[in-house]
Amino acid sequence: MRKISIAAIAALGLALTACNTVKGAGEDVESVGEAVQKTVD
């Protein structure tokens, strides 16, 4: 379970670095937060 959450956070972190706009960065941060919350639940 912990390995899956770490992999999800790493993948979303890579997506965050790939975005080119502030709006895109905000959406990526939101998606990371949602993914972390889903893994905690």
PDB file of N, CA and C in Angstrom:
ATOM      1  N   MET A   1       0.830  -1.192   0.000  1.00  0.00           N
ATOM      2  CA  MET A   1       0.000   0.000   0.000  1.00  0.00           C
ATOM      3  C   MET A   1       0.872   1.253   0.000  1.00  0.00           C
ATOM      4  N   ARG A   2       1.887   1.260   0.814  1.00  0.00           N
ATOM      5  CA  ARG A   2       2.762   2.418   0.916  1.00  0.00           C
ATOM      6  C   ARG A   2       3.542   2.631  -0.382  1.00  0.00           C
ATOM      7  N   LYS A   3       3.953   1.525  -1.027  1.00  0.00           N
ATOM      8  CA  LYS A   3       4.688   1.633  -2.291  1.00  0.00           C
ATOM      9  C   LYS A   3       3.815   2.233  -3.379  1.00  0.00           C
ATOM     10  N   ILE A   4       2.532   1.880  -3.380  1.00  0.00           N
ATOM     11  CA  ILE A   4       1.608   2.415  -4.379  1.00  0.00           C
ATOM     12  C   ILE A   4       1.448   3.916  -4.192  1.00  0.00           C
ATOM     13  N   SER A   5       1.293   4.358  -2.962  1.00  0.00           N
ATOM     14  CA  SER A   5       1.114   5.797  -2.722  1.00  0.00           C
ATOM     15  C   SER A   5       2.374   6.567  -3.075  1.00  0.00           C
ATOM     16  N   ILE A   6       3.535   6.012  -2.795  1.00  0.00           N
ATOM     17  CA  ILE A   6       4.786   6.676  -3.153  1.00  0.00           C
ATOM     18  C   ILE A   6       4.918   6.776  -4.668  1.00  0.00           C
ATOM     19  N   ALA A   7       4.561   5.709  -5.374  1.00  0.00           N
ATOM     20  CA  ALA A   7       4.627   5.729  -6.836  1.00  0.00           C
ATOM     21  C   ALA A   7       3.653   6.745  -7.415  1.00  0.00           C
ATOM     22  N   ALA A   8       2.462   6.842  -6.834  1.00  0.00           N
ATOM     23  CA  ALA A   8       1.466   7.806  -7.315  1.00  0.00           C
ATOM     24  C   ALA A   8       1.949   9.235  -7.096  1.00  0.00           C
ATOM     25  N   ILE A   9       2.518   9.502  -5.945  1.00  0.00           N
ATOM     26  CA  ILE A   9       3.028  10.840  -5.651  1.00  0.00           C
ATOM     27  C   ILE A   9       4.194  11.176  -6.584  1.00  0.00           C
ATOM     28  N   ALA A  10       5.055  10.214  -6.843  1.00  0.00           N
ATOM     29  CA  ALA A  10       6.187  10.461  -7.743  1.00  0.00           C
ATOM     30  C   ALA A  10       5.699  10.748  -9.159  1.00  0.00           C
ATOM     31  N   ALA A  11       4.725   9.974  -9.638  1.00  0.00           N
ATOM     32  CA  ALA A  11       4.191  10.188 -10.985  1.00  0.00           C
ATOM     33  C   ALA A  11       3.520  11.552 -11.099  1.00  0.00           C
ATOM     34  N   LEU A  12       2.769  11.928 -10.087  1.00  0.00           N
ATOM     35  CA  LEU A  12       2.117  13.226 -10.117  1.00  0.00           C
ATOM     36  C   LEU A  12       3.131  14.357  -9.967  1.00  0.00           C
ATOM     37  N   GLY A  13       4.192  14.102  -9.249  1.00  0.00           N
ATOM     38  CA  GLY A  13       5.259  15.094  -9.133  1.00  0.00           C
ATOM     39  C   GLY A  13       5.921  15.350 -10.479  1.00  0.00           C
ATOM     40  N   LEU A  14       6.106  14.276 -11.266  1.00  0.00           N
ATOM     41  CA  LEU A  14       6.657  14.443 -12.607  1.00  0.00           C
ATOM     42  C   LEU A  14       5.697  15.233 -13.490  1.00  0.00           C
ATOM     43  N   ALA A  15       4.416  14.985 -13.342  1.00  0.00           N
ATOM     44  CA  ALA A  15       3.426  15.742 -14.112  1.00  0.00           C
ATOM     45  C   ALA A  15       3.471  17.208 -13.722  1.00  0.00           C
ATOM     46  N   LEU A  16       3.705  17.484 -12.463  1.00  0.00           N
ATOM     47  CA  LEU A  16       3.790  18.868 -11.996  1.00  0.00           C
ATOM     48  C   LEU A  16       4.964  19.590 -12.637  1.00  0.00           C
ATOM     49  N   THR A  17       6.085  18.922 -12.768  1.00  0.00           N
ATOM     50  CA  THR A  17       7.253  19.561 -13.364  1.00  0.00           C
ATOM     51  C   THR A  17       7.089  19.753 -14.864  1.00  0.00           C
ATOM     52  N   ALA A  18       6.186  19.008 -15.474  1.00  0.00           N
ATOM     53  CA  ALA A  18       5.995  19.103 -16.911  1.00  0.00           C
ATOM     54  C   ALA A  18       5.056  20.235 -17.322  1.00  0.00           C
ATOM     55  N   CYS A  19       4.312  20.805 -16.394  1.00  0.00           N
ATOM     56  CA  CYS A  19       3.344  21.839 -16.768  1.00  0.00           C
ATOM     57  C   CYS A  19       4.047  23.157 -17.040  1.00  0.00           C
ATOM     58  N   ASN A  20       3.473  23.966 -17.920  1.00  0.00           N
ATOM     59  CA  ASN A  20       4.114  25.204 -18.351  1.00  0.00           C
ATOM     60  C   ASN A  20       3.427  26.468 -17.852  1.00  0.00           C
ATOM     61  N   THR A  21       2.250  26.357 -17.266  1.00  0.00           N
ATOM     62  CA  THR A  21       1.533  27.549 -16.842  1.00  0.00           C
ATOM     63  C   THR A  21       1.202  27.484 -15.360  1.00  0.00           C
ATOM     64  N   VAL A  22       0.931  28.629 -14.779  1.00  0.00           N
ATOM     65  CA  VAL A  22       0.561  28.686 -13.367  1.00  0.00           C
ATOM     66  C   VAL A  22      -0.761  27.956 -13.156  1.00  0.00           C
ATOM     67  N   LYS A  23      -1.703  28.130 -14.090  1.00  0.00           N
ATOM     68  CA  LYS A  23      -2.982  27.434 -13.984  1.00  0.00           C
ATOM     69  C   LYS A  23      -2.765  25.922 -13.992  1.00  0.00           C
ATOM     70  N   GLY A  24      -1.913  25.463 -14.890  1.00  0.00           N
ATOM     71  CA  GLY A  24      -1.606  24.025 -14.968  1.00  0.00           C
ATOM     72  C   GLY A  24      -0.962  23.524 -13.687  1.00  0.00           C
ATOM     73  N   ALA A  25      -0.090  24.342 -13.110  1.00  0.00           N
ATOM     74  CA  ALA A  25       0.565  23.956 -11.860  1.00  0.00           C
ATOM     75  C   ALA A  25      -0.456  23.819 -10.744  1.00  0.00           C
ATOM     76  N   GLY A  26      -1.411  24.755 -10.694  1.00  0.00           N
ATOM     77  CA  GLY A  26      -2.460  24.680  -9.677  1.00  0.00           C
ATOM     78  C   GLY A  26      -3.293  23.425  -9.815  1.00  0.00           C
ATOM     79  N   GLU A  27      -3.611  23.068 -11.041  1.00  0.00           N
ATOM     80  CA  GLU A  27      -4.392  21.850 -11.272  1.00  0.00           C
ATOM     81  C   GLU A  27      -3.591  20.620 -10.893  1.00  0.00           C
ATOM     82  N   ASP A  28      -2.285  20.612 -11.179  1.00  0.00           N
ATOM     83  CA  ASP A  28      -1.455  19.477 -10.816  1.00  0.00           C
ATOM     84  C   ASP A  28      -1.341  19.334  -9.306  1.00  0.00           C
ATOM     85  N   VAL A  29      -1.183  20.456  -8.601  1.00  0.00           N
ATOM     86  CA  VAL A  29      -1.105  20.401  -7.143  1.00  0.00           C
ATOM     87  C   VAL A  29      -2.408  19.863  -6.569  1.00  0.00           C
ATOM     88  N   GLU A  30      -3.518  20.281  -7.146  1.00  0.00           N
ATOM     89  CA  GLU A  30      -4.819  19.789  -6.687  1.00  0.00           C
ATOM     90  C   GLU A  30      -4.930  18.289  -6.902  1.00  0.00           C
ATOM     91  N   SER A  31      -4.484  17.809  -8.062  1.00  0.00           N
ATOM     92  CA  SER A  31      -4.576  16.374  -8.342  1.00  0.00           C
ATOM     93  C   SER A  31      -3.671  15.574  -7.412  1.00  0.00           C
ATOM     94  N   VAL A  32      -2.517  16.116  -7.062  1.00  0.00           N
ATOM     95  CA  VAL A  32      -1.629  15.441  -6.113  1.00  0.00           C
ATOM     96  C   VAL A  32      -2.315  15.332  -4.755  1.00  0.00           C
ATOM     97  N   GLY A  33      -2.944  16.423  -4.321  1.00  0.00           N
ATOM     98  CA  GLY A  33      -3.658  16.403  -3.045  1.00  0.00           C
ATOM     99  C   GLY A  33      -4.775  15.392  -3.022  1.00  0.00           C
ATOM    100  N   GLU A  34      -5.515  15.309  -4.115  1.00  0.00           N
ATOM    101  CA  GLU A  34      -6.617  14.339  -4.205  1.00  0.00           C
ATOM    102  C   GLU A  34      -6.067  12.903  -4.177  1.00  0.00           C
ATOM    103  N   ALA A  35      -4.964  12.661  -4.892  1.00  0.00           N
ATOM    104  CA  ALA A  35      -4.388  11.320  -4.916  1.00  0.00           C
ATOM    105  C   ALA A  35      -3.897  10.901  -3.541  1.00  0.00           C
ATOM    106  N   VAL A  36      -3.265  11.826  -2.833  1.00  0.00           N
ATOM    107  CA  VAL A  36      -2.781  11.520  -1.488  1.00  0.00           C
ATOM    108  C   VAL A  36      -3.957  11.242  -0.565  1.00  0.00           C
ATOM    109  N   GLN A  37      -5.011  12.013  -0.678  1.00  0.00           N
ATOM    110  CA  GLN A  37      -6.154  11.806   0.193  1.00  0.00           C
ATOM    111  C   GLN A  37      -6.814  10.449  -0.099  1.00  0.00           C
ATOM    112  N   LYS A  38      -6.878  10.065  -1.361  1.00  0.00           N
ATOM    113  CA  LYS A  38      -7.470   8.762  -1.708  1.00  0.00           C
ATOM    114  C   LYS A  38      -6.631   7.619  -1.142  1.00  0.00           C
ATOM    115  N   THR A  39      -5.299   7.749  -1.170  1.00  0.00           N
ATOM    116  CA  THR A  39      -4.458   6.682  -0.636  1.00  0.00           C
ATOM    117  C   THR A  39      -4.554   6.609   0.875  1.00  0.00           C
ATOM    118  N   VAL A  40      -4.795   7.740   1.535  1.00  0.00           N
ATOM    119  CA  VAL A  40      -4.940   7.744   2.995  1.00  0.00           C
ATOM    120  C   VAL A  40      -6.260   7.071   3.389  1.00  0.00           C
ATOM    121  N   ASP A  41      -7.306   7.335   2.612  1.00  0.00           N
ATOM    122  CA  ASP A  41      -8.616   6.734   2.907  1.00  0.00           C
ATOM    123  C   ASP A  41      -8.536   5.270   2.592  1.00  0.00           C
TER     124      ASP A  41
END
